[in-house]
mmCIF file of all heavy atoms, coordinates in Angstrom:
data_MODEL
# 
_entry.id   MODEL 
# 
loop_
_atom_site.group_PDB 
_atom_site.id 
_atom_site.type_symbol 
_atom_site.label_atom_id 
_atom_site.label_alt_id 
_atom_site.label_comp_id 
_atom_site.label_asym_id 
_atom_site.label_entity_id 
_atom_site.label_seq_id 
_atom_site.pdbx_PDB_ins_code 
_atom_site.Cartn_x 
_atom_site.Cartn_y 
_atom_site.Cartn_z 
_atom_site.occupancy 
_atom_site.B_iso_or_equiv 
_atom_site.pdbx_formal_charge 
_atom_site.auth_seq_id 
_atom_site.auth_comp_id 
_atom_site.auth_asym_id 
_atom_site.auth_atom_id 
_atom_site.pdbx_PDB_model_num 
ATOM 1   N N   . ASP A 1 1  ? 0.806  -1.228  0.000   1.00 0.00 ? 1  ASP A N   1 
ATOM 2   C CA  . ASP A 1 1  ? 0.000  0.000   0.000   1.00 0.00 ? 1  ASP A CA  1 
ATOM 3   C C   . ASP A 1 1  ? 0.838  1.277   0.000   1.00 0.00 ? 1  ASP A C   1 
ATOM 4   O O   . ASP A 1 1  ? 0.341  2.341   -0.357  1.00 0.00 ? 1  ASP A O   1 
ATOM 5   C CB  . ASP A 1 1  ? -0.917 0.016   1.233   1.00 0.00 ? 1  ASP A CB  1 
ATOM 6   C CG  . ASP A 1 1  ? -1.909 -1.125  1.229   1.00 0.00 ? 1  ASP A CG  1 
ATOM 7   O OD1 . ASP A 1 1  ? -2.355 -1.506  0.119   1.00 0.00 ? 1  ASP A OD1 1 
ATOM 8   O OD2 . ASP A 1 1  ? -2.233 -1.649  2.319   1.00 0.00 ? 1  ASP A OD2 1 
ATOM 9   N N   . ARG A 1 2  ? 2.103  1.201   0.389   1.00 0.00 ? 2  ARG A N   1 
ATOM 10  C CA  . ARG A 1 2  ? 2.908  2.410   0.586   1.00 0.00 ? 2  ARG A CA  1 
ATOM 11  C C   . ARG A 1 2  ? 3.356  3.031   -0.725  1.00 0.00 ? 2  ARG A C   1 
ATOM 12  O O   . ARG A 1 2  ? 3.636  4.223   -0.773  1.00 0.00 ? 2  ARG A O   1 
ATOM 13  C CB  . ARG A 1 2  ? 4.118  2.087   1.461   1.00 0.00 ? 2  ARG A CB  1 
ATOM 14  C CG  . ARG A 1 2  ? 3.750  1.664   2.869   1.00 0.00 ? 2  ARG A CG  1 
ATOM 15  C CD  . ARG A 1 2  ? 4.970  1.397   3.716   1.00 0.00 ? 2  ARG A CD  1 
ATOM 16  N NE  . ARG A 1 2  ? 5.764  2.614   3.910   1.00 0.00 ? 2  ARG A NE  1 
ATOM 17  C CZ  . ARG A 1 2  ? 6.904  2.647   4.594   1.00 0.00 ? 2  ARG A CZ  1 
ATOM 18  N NH1 . ARG A 1 2  ? 7.370  1.531   5.140   1.00 0.00 ? 2  ARG A NH1 1 
ATOM 19  N NH2 . ARG A 1 2  ? 7.562  3.781   4.733   1.00 0.00 ? 2  ARG A NH2 1 
ATOM 20  N N   . LEU A 1 3  ? 3.446  2.222   -1.793  1.00 0.00 ? 3  LEU A N   1 
ATOM 21  C CA  . LEU A 1 3  ? 3.923  2.719   -3.077  1.00 0.00 ? 3  LEU A CA  1 
ATOM 22  C C   . LEU A 1 3  ? 2.875  2.415   -4.155  1.00 0.00 ? 3  LEU A C   1 
ATOM 23  O O   . LEU A 1 3  ? 3.033  1.497   -4.960  1.00 0.00 ? 3  LEU A O   1 
ATOM 24  C CB  . LEU A 1 3  ? 5.267  2.069   -3.437  1.00 0.00 ? 3  LEU A CB  1 
ATOM 25  C CG  . LEU A 1 3  ? 6.401  2.275   -2.425  1.00 0.00 ? 3  LEU A CG  1 
ATOM 26  C CD1 . LEU A 1 3  ? 7.584  1.380   -2.764  1.00 0.00 ? 3  LEU A CD1 1 
ATOM 27  C CD2 . LEU A 1 3  ? 6.831  3.738   -2.383  1.00 0.00 ? 3  LEU A CD2 1 
ATOM 28  N N   . PRO A 1 4  ? 1.775  3.176   -4.177  1.00 0.00 ? 4  PRO A N   1 
ATOM 29  C CA  . PRO A 1 4  ? 0.674  2.859   -5.108  1.00 0.00 ? 4  PRO A CA  1 
ATOM 30  C C   . PRO A 1 4  ? 1.083  2.897   -6.568  1.00 0.00 ? 4  PRO A C   1 
ATOM 31  O O   . PRO A 1 4  ? 0.497  2.206   -7.395  1.00 0.00 ? 4  PRO A O   1 
ATOM 32  C CB  . PRO A 1 4  ? -0.379 3.929   -4.792  1.00 0.00 ? 4  PRO A CB  1 
ATOM 33  C CG  . PRO A 1 4  ? 0.369  5.020   -4.088  1.00 0.00 ? 4  PRO A CG  1 
ATOM 34  C CD  . PRO A 1 4  ? 1.463  4.345   -3.340  1.00 0.00 ? 4  PRO A CD  1 
ATOM 35  N N   . GLN A 1 5  ? 2.119  3.673   -6.898  1.00 0.00 ? 5  GLN A N   1 
ATOM 36  C CA  . GLN A 1 5  ? 2.559  3.753   -8.289  1.00 0.00 ? 5  GLN A CA  1 
ATOM 37  C C   . GLN A 1 5  ? 3.200  2.458   -8.760  1.00 0.00 ? 5  GLN A C   1 
ATOM 38  O O   . GLN A 1 5  ? 3.355  2.233   -9.964  1.00 0.00 ? 5  GLN A O   1 
ATOM 39  C CB  . GLN A 1 5  ? 3.539  4.920   -8.479  1.00 0.00 ? 5  GLN A CB  1 
ATOM 40  C CG  . GLN A 1 5  ? 4.884  4.757   -7.818  1.00 0.00 ? 5  GLN A CG  1 
ATOM 41  C CD  . GLN A 1 5  ? 4.920  5.185   -6.363  1.00 0.00 ? 5  GLN A CD  1 
ATOM 42  O OE1 . GLN A 1 5  ? 3.895  5.194   -5.675  1.00 0.00 ? 5  GLN A OE1 1 
ATOM 43  N NE2 . GLN A 1 5  ? 6.103  5.573   -5.889  1.00 0.00 ? 5  GLN A NE2 1 
ATOM 44  N N   . LEU A 1 6  ? 3.571  1.583   -7.817  1.00 0.00 ? 6  LEU A N   1 
ATOM 45  C CA  . LEU A 1 6  ? 4.182  0.301   -8.167  1.00 0.00 ? 6  LEU A CA  1 
ATOM 46  C C   . LEU A 1 6  ? 3.212  -0.869  -8.038  1.00 0.00 ? 6  LEU A C   1 
ATOM 47  O O   . LEU A 1 6  ? 3.600  -2.017  -8.231  1.00 0.00 ? 6  LEU A O   1 
ATOM 48  C CB  . LEU A 1 6  ? 5.398  0.035   -7.271  1.00 0.00 ? 6  LEU A CB  1 
ATOM 49  C CG  . LEU A 1 6  ? 6.585  0.984   -7.424  1.00 0.00 ? 6  LEU A CG  1 
ATOM 50  C CD1 . LEU A 1 6  ? 7.719  0.552   -6.499  1.00 0.00 ? 6  LEU A CD1 1 
ATOM 51  C CD2 . LEU A 1 6  ? 7.071  1.043   -8.866  1.00 0.00 ? 6  LEU A CD2 1 
ATOM 52  N N   . GLN A 1 7  ? 1.969  -0.596  -7.739  1.00 0.00 ? 7  GLN A N   1 
ATOM 53  C CA  . GLN A 1 7  ? 0.994  -1.667  -7.538  1.00 0.00 ? 7  GLN A CA  1 
ATOM 54  C C   . GLN A 1 7  ? 0.932  -2.584  -8.767  1.00 0.00 ? 7  GLN A C   1 
ATOM 55  O O   . GLN A 1 7  ? 0.724  -2.138  -9.888  1.00 0.00 ? 7  GLN A O   1 
ATOM 56  C CB  . GLN A 1 7  ? -0.384 -1.068  -7.273  1.00 0.00 ? 7  GLN A CB  1 
ATOM 57  C CG  . GLN A 1 7  ? -1.451 -2.072  -6.923  1.00 0.00 ? 7  GLN A CG  1 
ATOM 58  C CD  . GLN A 1 7  ? -1.202 -2.789  -5.612  1.00 0.00 ? 7  GLN A CD  1 
ATOM 59  O OE1 . GLN A 1 7  ? -1.334 -4.011  -5.546  1.00 0.00 ? 7  GLN A OE1 1 
ATOM 60  N NE2 . GLN A 1 7  ? -0.830 -2.048  -4.582  1.00 0.00 ? 7  GLN A NE2 1 
ATOM 61  N N   . GLY A 1 8  ? 1.161  -3.872  -8.528  1.00 0.00 ? 8  GLY A N   1 
ATOM 62  C CA  . GLY A 1 8  ? 1.101  -4.857  -9.598  1.00 0.00 ? 8  GLY A CA  1 
ATOM 63  C C   . GLY A 1 8  ? 2.323  -4.920  -10.490 1.00 0.00 ? 8  GLY A C   1 
ATOM 64  O O   . GLY A 1 8  ? 2.327  -5.658  -11.472 1.00 0.00 ? 8  GLY A O   1 
ATOM 65  N N   . ALA A 1 9  ? 3.368  -4.162  -10.160 1.00 0.00 ? 9  ALA A N   1 
ATOM 66  C CA  . ALA A 1 9  ? 4.581  -4.145  -10.982 1.00 0.00 ? 9  ALA A CA  1 
ATOM 67  C C   . ALA A 1 9  ? 5.609  -5.148  -10.458 1.00 0.00 ? 9  ALA A C   1 
ATOM 68  O O   . ALA A 1 9  ? 5.735  -5.357  -9.245  1.00 0.00 ? 9  ALA A O   1 
ATOM 69  C CB  . ALA A 1 9  ? 5.194  -2.753  -11.007 1.00 0.00 ? 9  ALA A CB  1 
ATOM 70  N N   . TYR A 1 10 ? 6.330  -5.751  -11.376 1.00 0.00 ? 10 TYR A N   1 
ATOM 71  C CA  . TYR A 1 10 ? 7.456  -6.611  -11.030 1.00 0.00 ? 10 TYR A CA  1 
ATOM 72  C C   . TYR A 1 10 ? 8.663  -5.711  -10.783 1.00 0.00 ? 10 TYR A C   1 
ATOM 73  O O   . TYR A 1 10 ? 9.073  -4.934  -11.653 1.00 0.00 ? 10 TYR A O   1 
ATOM 74  C CB  . TYR A 1 10 ? 7.735  -7.589  -12.166 1.00 0.00 ? 10 TYR A CB  1 
ATOM 75  C CG  . TYR A 1 10 ? 8.930  -8.498  -11.933 1.00 0.00 ? 10 TYR A CG  1 
ATOM 76  C CD1 . TYR A 1 10 ? 8.871  -9.540  -11.012 1.00 0.00 ? 10 TYR A CD1 1 
ATOM 77  C CD2 . TYR A 1 10 ? 10.113 -8.316  -12.647 1.00 0.00 ? 10 TYR A CD2 1 
ATOM 78  C CE1 . TYR A 1 10 ? 9.963  -10.377 -10.807 1.00 0.00 ? 10 TYR A CE1 1 
ATOM 79  C CE2 . TYR A 1 10 ? 11.203 -9.153  -12.455 1.00 0.00 ? 10 TYR A CE2 1 
ATOM 80  C CZ  . TYR A 1 10 ? 11.116 -10.181 -11.533 1.00 0.00 ? 10 TYR A CZ  1 
ATOM 81  O OH  . TYR A 1 10 ? 12.197 -10.998 -11.336 1.00 0.00 ? 10 TYR A OH  1 
ATOM 82  N N   . VAL A 1 11 ? 9.251  -5.819  -9.594  1.00 0.00 ? 11 VAL A N   1 
ATOM 83  C CA  . VAL A 1 11 ? 10.372 -4.965  -9.187  1.00 0.00 ? 11 VAL A CA  1 
ATOM 84  C C   . VAL A 1 11 ? 11.624 -5.835  -9.079  1.00 0.00 ? 11 VAL A C   1 
ATOM 85  O O   . VAL A 1 11 ? 11.619 -6.872  -8.417  1.00 0.00 ? 11 VAL A O   1 
ATOM 86  C CB  . VAL A 1 11 ? 10.083 -4.282  -7.839  1.00 0.00 ? 11 VAL A CB  1 
ATOM 87  C CG1 . VAL A 1 11 ? 11.251 -3.371  -7.438  1.00 0.00 ? 11 VAL A CG1 1 
ATOM 88  C CG2 . VAL A 1 11 ? 8.777  -3.489  -7.902  1.00 0.00 ? 11 VAL A CG2 1 
ATOM 89  N N   . TYR A 1 12 ? 12.704 -5.412  -9.735  1.00 0.00 ? 12 TYR A N   1 
ATOM 90  C CA  . TYR A 1 12 ? 13.930 -6.202  -9.764  1.00 0.00 ? 12 TYR A CA  1 
ATOM 91  C C   . TYR A 1 12 ? 15.122 -5.263  -9.861  1.00 0.00 ? 12 TYR A C   1 
ATOM 92  O O   . TYR A 1 12 ? 14.971 -4.046  -10.024 1.00 0.00 ? 12 TYR A O   1 
ATOM 93  C CB  . TYR A 1 12 ? 13.913 -7.175  -10.950 1.00 0.00 ? 12 TYR A CB  1 
ATOM 94  C CG  . TYR A 1 12 ? 13.886 -6.510  -12.312 1.00 0.00 ? 12 TYR A CG  1 
ATOM 95  C CD1 . TYR A 1 12 ? 15.046 -6.387  -13.073 1.00 0.00 ? 12 TYR A CD1 1 
ATOM 96  C CD2 . TYR A 1 12 ? 12.707 -5.989  -12.832 1.00 0.00 ? 12 TYR A CD2 1 
ATOM 97  C CE1 . TYR A 1 12 ? 15.032 -5.771  -14.323 1.00 0.00 ? 12 TYR A CE1 1 
ATOM 98  C CE2 . TYR A 1 12 ? 12.675 -5.375  -14.074 1.00 0.00 ? 12 TYR A CE2 1 
ATOM 99  C CZ  . TYR A 1 12 ? 13.837 -5.268  -14.809 1.00 0.00 ? 12 TYR A CZ  1 
ATOM 100 O OH  . TYR A 1 12 ? 13.825 -4.645  -16.036 1.00 0.00 ? 12 TYR A OH  1 
ATOM 101 N N   . GLY A 1 13 ? 16.336 -5.803  -9.751  1.00 0.00 ? 13 GLY A N   1 
ATOM 102 C CA  . GLY A 1 13 ? 17.504 -4.929  -9.751  1.00 0.00 ? 13 GLY A CA  1 
ATOM 103 C C   . GLY A 1 13 ? 18.758 -5.612  -10.272 1.00 0.00 ? 13 GLY A C   1 
ATOM 104 O O   . GLY A 1 13 ? 18.707 -6.683  -10.869 1.00 0.00 ? 13 GLY A O   1 
ATOM 105 N N   . ASP A 1 14 ? 19.907 -4.971  -9.994  1.00 0.00 ? 14 ASP A N   1 
ATOM 106 C CA  . ASP A 1 14 ? 21.177 -5.470  -10.490 1.00 0.00 ? 14 ASP A CA  1 
ATOM 107 C C   . ASP A 1 14 ? 22.221 -5.397  -9.387  1.00 0.00 ? 14 ASP A C   1 
ATOM 108 O O   . ASP A 1 14 ? 22.383 -4.355  -8.734  1.00 0.00 ? 14 ASP A O   1 
ATOM 109 C CB  . ASP A 1 14 ? 21.633 -4.648  -11.694 1.00 0.00 ? 14 ASP A CB  1 
ATOM 110 C CG  . ASP A 1 14 ? 22.895 -5.229  -12.326 1.00 0.00 ? 14 ASP A CG  1 
ATOM 111 O OD1 . ASP A 1 14 ? 22.792 -6.297  -12.954 1.00 0.00 ? 14 ASP A OD1 1 
ATOM 112 O OD2 . ASP A 1 14 ? 23.975 -4.622  -12.178 1.00 0.00 ? 14 ASP A OD2 1 
ATOM 113 N N   . TYR A 1 15 ? 22.940 -6.496  -9.198  1.00 0.00 ? 15 TYR A N   1 
ATOM 114 C CA  . TYR A 1 15 ? 23.957 -6.555  -8.151  1.00 0.00 ? 15 TYR A CA  1 
ATOM 115 C C   . TYR A 1 15 ? 25.100 -5.587  -8.416  1.00 0.00 ? 15 TYR A C   1 
ATOM 116 O O   . TYR A 1 15 ? 25.595 -4.916  -7.499  1.00 0.00 ? 15 TYR A O   1 
ATOM 117 C CB  . TYR A 1 15 ? 24.502 -7.985  -8.050  1.00 0.00 ? 15 TYR A CB  1 
ATOM 118 C CG  . TYR A 1 15 ? 25.650 -8.129  -7.080  1.00 0.00 ? 15 TYR A CG  1 
ATOM 119 C CD1 . TYR A 1 15 ? 25.408 -8.298  -5.721  1.00 0.00 ? 15 TYR A CD1 1 
ATOM 120 C CD2 . TYR A 1 15 ? 26.973 -8.087  -7.514  1.00 0.00 ? 15 TYR A CD2 1 
ATOM 121 C CE1 . TYR A 1 15 ? 26.455 -8.413  -4.816  1.00 0.00 ? 15 TYR A CE1 1 
ATOM 122 C CE2 . TYR A 1 15 ? 28.022 -8.211  -6.621  1.00 0.00 ? 15 TYR A CE2 1 
ATOM 123 C CZ  . TYR A 1 15 ? 27.762 -8.366  -5.272  1.00 0.00 ? 15 TYR A CZ  1 
ATOM 124 O OH  . TYR A 1 15 ? 28.791 -8.480  -4.383  1.00 0.00 ? 15 TYR A OH  1 
ATOM 125 N N   . SER A 1 16 ? 25.548 -5.509  -9.644  1.00 0.00 ? 16 SER A N   1 
ATOM 126 C CA  . SER A 1 16 ? 26.758 -4.747  -9.960  1.00 0.00 ? 16 SER A CA  1 
ATOM 127 C C   . SER A 1 16 ? 26.529 -3.244  -10.031 1.00 0.00 ? 16 SER A C   1 
ATOM 128 O O   . SER A 1 16 ? 27.377 -2.467  -9.595  1.00 0.00 ? 16 SER A O   1 
ATOM 129 C CB  . SER A 1 16 ? 27.346 -5.234  -11.287 1.00 0.00 ? 16 SER A CB  1 
ATOM 130 O OG  . SER A 1 16 ? 27.781 -6.570  -11.183 1.00 0.00 ? 16 SER A OG  1 
ATOM 131 N N   . THR A 1 17 ? 25.419 -2.819  -10.595 1.00 0.00 ? 17 THR A N   1 
ATOM 132 C CA  . THR A 1 17 ? 25.186 -1.381  -10.787 1.00 0.00 ? 17 THR A CA  1 
ATOM 133 C C   . THR A 1 17 ? 24.284 -0.766  -9.724  1.00 0.00 ? 17 THR A C   1 
ATOM 134 O O   . THR A 1 17 ? 24.237 0.452   -9.593  1.00 0.00 ? 17 THR A O   1 
ATOM 135 C CB  . THR A 1 17 ? 24.559 -1.109  -12.162 1.00 0.00 ? 17 THR A CB  1 
ATOM 136 O OG1 . THR A 1 17 ? 23.242 -1.683  -12.210 1.00 0.00 ? 17 THR A OG1 1 
ATOM 137 C CG2 . THR A 1 17 ? 25.414 -1.701  -13.275 1.00 0.00 ? 17 THR A CG2 1 
ATOM 138 N N   . GLY A 1 18 ? 23.549 -1.583  -8.980  1.00 0.00 ? 18 GLY A N   1 
ATOM 139 C CA  . GLY A 1 18 ? 22.655 -1.072  -7.951  1.00 0.00 ? 18 GLY A CA  1 
ATOM 140 C C   . GLY A 1 18 ? 21.358 -0.484  -8.482  1.00 0.00 ? 18 GLY A C   1 
ATOM 141 O O   . GLY A 1 18 ? 20.552 0.037   -7.704  1.00 0.00 ? 18 GLY A O   1 
ATOM 142 N N   . LYS A 1 19 ? 21.143 -0.546  -9.765  1.00 0.00 ? 19 LYS A N   1 
ATOM 143 C CA  . LYS A 1 19 ? 19.917 0.005   -10.344 1.00 0.00 ? 19 LYS A CA  1 
ATOM 144 C C   . LYS A 1 19 ? 18.723 -0.901  -10.035 1.00 0.00 ? 19 LYS A C   1 
ATOM 145 O O   . LYS A 1 19 ? 18.853 -2.125  -9.915  1.00 0.00 ? 19 LYS A O   1 
ATOM 146 C CB  . LYS A 1 19 ? 20.062 0.177   -11.852 1.00 0.00 ? 19 LYS A CB  1 
ATOM 147 C CG  . LYS A 1 19 ? 21.047 1.266   -12.267 1.00 0.00 ? 19 LYS A CG  1 
ATOM 148 C CD  . LYS A 1 19 ? 21.126 1.367   -13.787 1.00 0.00 ? 19 LYS A CD  1 
ATOM 149 C CE  . LYS A 1 19 ? 22.098 2.453   -14.228 1.00 0.00 ? 19 LYS A CE  1 
ATOM 150 N NZ  . LYS A 1 19 ? 21.622 3.803   -13.871 1.00 0.00 ? 19 LYS A NZ  1 
ATOM 151 N N   . ILE A 1 20 ? 17.549 -0.275  -9.918  1.00 0.00 ? 20 ILE A N   1 
ATOM 152 C CA  . ILE A 1 20 ? 16.299 -1.001  -9.686  1.00 0.00 ? 20 ILE A CA  1 
ATOM 153 C C   . ILE A 1 20 ? 15.288 -0.554  -10.732 1.00 0.00 ? 20 ILE A C   1 
ATOM 154 O O   . ILE A 1 20 ? 15.152 0.642   -11.009 1.00 0.00 ? 20 ILE A O   1 
ATOM 155 C CB  . ILE A 1 20 ? 15.743 -0.745  -8.267  1.00 0.00 ? 20 ILE A CB  1 
ATOM 156 C CG1 . ILE A 1 20 ? 16.764 -1.204  -7.213  1.00 0.00 ? 20 ILE A CG1 1 
ATOM 157 C CG2 . ILE A 1 20 ? 14.412 -1.454  -8.068  1.00 0.00 ? 20 ILE A CG2 1 
ATOM 158 C CD1 . ILE A 1 20 ? 16.352 -0.871  -5.789  1.00 0.00 ? 20 ILE A CD1 1 
ATOM 159 N N   . TRP A 1 21 ? 14.586 -1.543  -11.308 1.00 0.00 ? 21 TRP A N   1 
ATOM 160 C CA  . TRP A 1 21 ? 13.561 -1.261  -12.312 1.00 0.00 ? 21 TRP A CA  1 
ATOM 161 C C   . TRP A 1 21 ? 12.231 -1.859  -11.874 1.00 0.00 ? 21 TRP A C   1 
ATOM 162 O O   . TRP A 1 21 ? 12.168 -2.708  -10.985 1.00 0.00 ? 21 TRP A O   1 
ATOM 163 C CB  . TRP A 1 21 ? 13.930 -1.886  -13.653 1.00 0.00 ? 21 TRP A CB  1 
ATOM 164 C CG  . TRP A 1 21 ? 15.180 -1.380  -14.281 1.00 0.00 ? 21 TRP A CG  1 
ATOM 165 C CD1 . TRP A 1 21 ? 15.306 -0.348  -15.164 1.00 0.00 ? 21 TRP A CD1 1 
ATOM 166 C CD2 . TRP A 1 21 ? 16.510 -1.880  -14.095 1.00 0.00 ? 21 TRP A CD2 1 
ATOM 167 N NE1 . TRP A 1 21 ? 16.620 -0.178  -15.536 1.00 0.00 ? 21 TRP A NE1 1 
ATOM 168 C CE2 . TRP A 1 21 ? 17.388 -1.104  -14.892 1.00 0.00 ? 21 TRP A CE2 1 
ATOM 169 C CE3 . TRP A 1 21 ? 17.043 -2.916  -13.330 1.00 0.00 ? 21 TRP A CE3 1 
ATOM 170 C CZ2 . TRP A 1 21 ? 18.743 -1.337  -14.946 1.00 0.00 ? 21 TRP A CZ2 1 
ATOM 171 C CZ3 . TRP A 1 21 ? 18.399 -3.147  -13.373 1.00 0.00 ? 21 TRP A CZ3 1 
ATOM 172 C CH2 . TRP A 1 21 ? 19.242 -2.365  -14.168 1.00 0.00 ? 21 TRP A CH2 1 
ATOM 173 N N   . ALA A 1 22 ? 11.165 -1.404  -12.528 1.00 0.00 ? 22 ALA A N   1 
ATOM 174 C CA  . ALA A 1 22 ? 9.841  -1.982  -12.322 1.00 0.00 ? 22 ALA A CA  1 
ATOM 175 C C   . ALA A 1 22 ? 9.128  -2.031  -13.664 1.00 0.00 ? 22 ALA A C   1 
ATOM 176 O O   . ALA A 1 22 ? 9.351  -1.173  -14.533 1.00 0.00 ? 22 ALA A O   1 
ATOM 177 C CB  . ALA A 1 22 ? 9.037  -1.159  -11.319 1.00 0.00 ? 22 ALA A CB  1 
ATOM 178 N N   . GLY A 1 23 ? 8.286  -3.037  -13.832 1.00 0.00 ? 23 GLY A N   1 
ATOM 179 C CA  . GLY A 1 23 ? 7.537  -3.149  -15.078 1.00 0.00 ? 23 GLY A CA  1 
ATOM 180 C C   . GLY A 1 23 ? 6.238  -3.897  -14.865 1.00 0.00 ? 23 GLY A C   1 
ATOM 181 O O   . GLY A 1 23 ? 6.126  -4.734  -13.952 1.00 0.00 ? 23 GLY A O   1 
ATOM 182 N N   . ARG A 1 24 ? 5.264  -3.600  -15.709 1.00 0.00 ? 24 ARG A N   1 
ATOM 183 C CA  . ARG A 1 24 ? 3.973  -4.296  -15.658 1.00 0.00 ? 24 ARG A CA  1 
ATOM 184 C C   . ARG A 1 24 ? 3.717  -5.023  -16.965 1.00 0.00 ? 24 ARG A C   1 
ATOM 185 O O   . ARG A 1 24 ? 4.075  -4.538  -18.037 1.00 0.00 ? 24 ARG A O   1 
ATOM 186 C CB  . ARG A 1 24 ? 2.821  -3.314  -15.404 1.00 0.00 ? 24 ARG A CB  1 
ATOM 187 C CG  . ARG A 1 24 ? 2.772  -2.712  -14.031 1.00 0.00 ? 24 ARG A CG  1 
ATOM 188 C CD  . ARG A 1 24 ? 1.454  -1.970  -13.791 1.00 0.00 ? 24 ARG A CD  1 
ATOM 189 N NE  . ARG A 1 24 ? 1.462  -1.275  -12.520 1.00 0.00 ? 24 ARG A NE  1 
ATOM 190 C CZ  . ARG A 1 24 ? 1.913  -0.029  -12.350 1.00 0.00 ? 24 ARG A CZ  1 
ATOM 191 N NH1 . ARG A 1 24 ? 2.386  0.642   -13.397 1.00 0.00 ? 24 ARG A NH1 1 
ATOM 192 N NH2 . ARG A 1 24 ? 1.900  0.528   -11.163 1.00 0.00 ? 24 ARG A NH2 1 
ATOM 193 N N   . HIS A 1 25 ? 3.050  -6.152  -16.837 1.00 0.00 ? 25 HIS A N   1 
ATOM 194 C CA  . HIS A 1 25 ? 2.637  -6.960  -17.984 1.00 0.00 ? 25 HIS A CA  1 
ATOM 195 C C   . HIS A 1 25 ? 1.151  -7.265  -17.807 1.00 0.00 ? 25 HIS A C   1 
ATOM 196 O O   . HIS A 1 25 ? 0.729  -7.695  -16.737 1.00 0.00 ? 25 HIS A O   1 
ATOM 197 C CB  . HIS A 1 25 ? 3.459  -8.256  -18.032 1.00 0.00 ? 25 HIS A CB  1 
ATOM 198 C CG  . HIS A 1 25 ? 3.397  -8.983  -19.324 1.00 0.00 ? 25 HIS A CG  1 
ATOM 199 N ND1 . HIS A 1 25 ? 2.292  -9.714  -19.713 1.00 0.00 ? 25 HIS A ND1 1 
ATOM 200 C CD2 . HIS A 1 25 ? 4.310  -9.108  -20.321 1.00 0.00 ? 25 HIS A CD2 1 
ATOM 201 C CE1 . HIS A 1 25 ? 2.522  -10.252 -20.890 1.00 0.00 ? 25 HIS A CE1 1 
ATOM 202 N NE2 . HIS A 1 25 ? 3.735  -9.907  -21.288 1.00 0.00 ? 25 HIS A NE2 1 
# 
């Protein structure tokens, strides 16, 4: 509930660069 803009999104990242992405399908 805290991040409504990410509701239903797959959230993942990268060990080396520290970047985090989100996407919906």
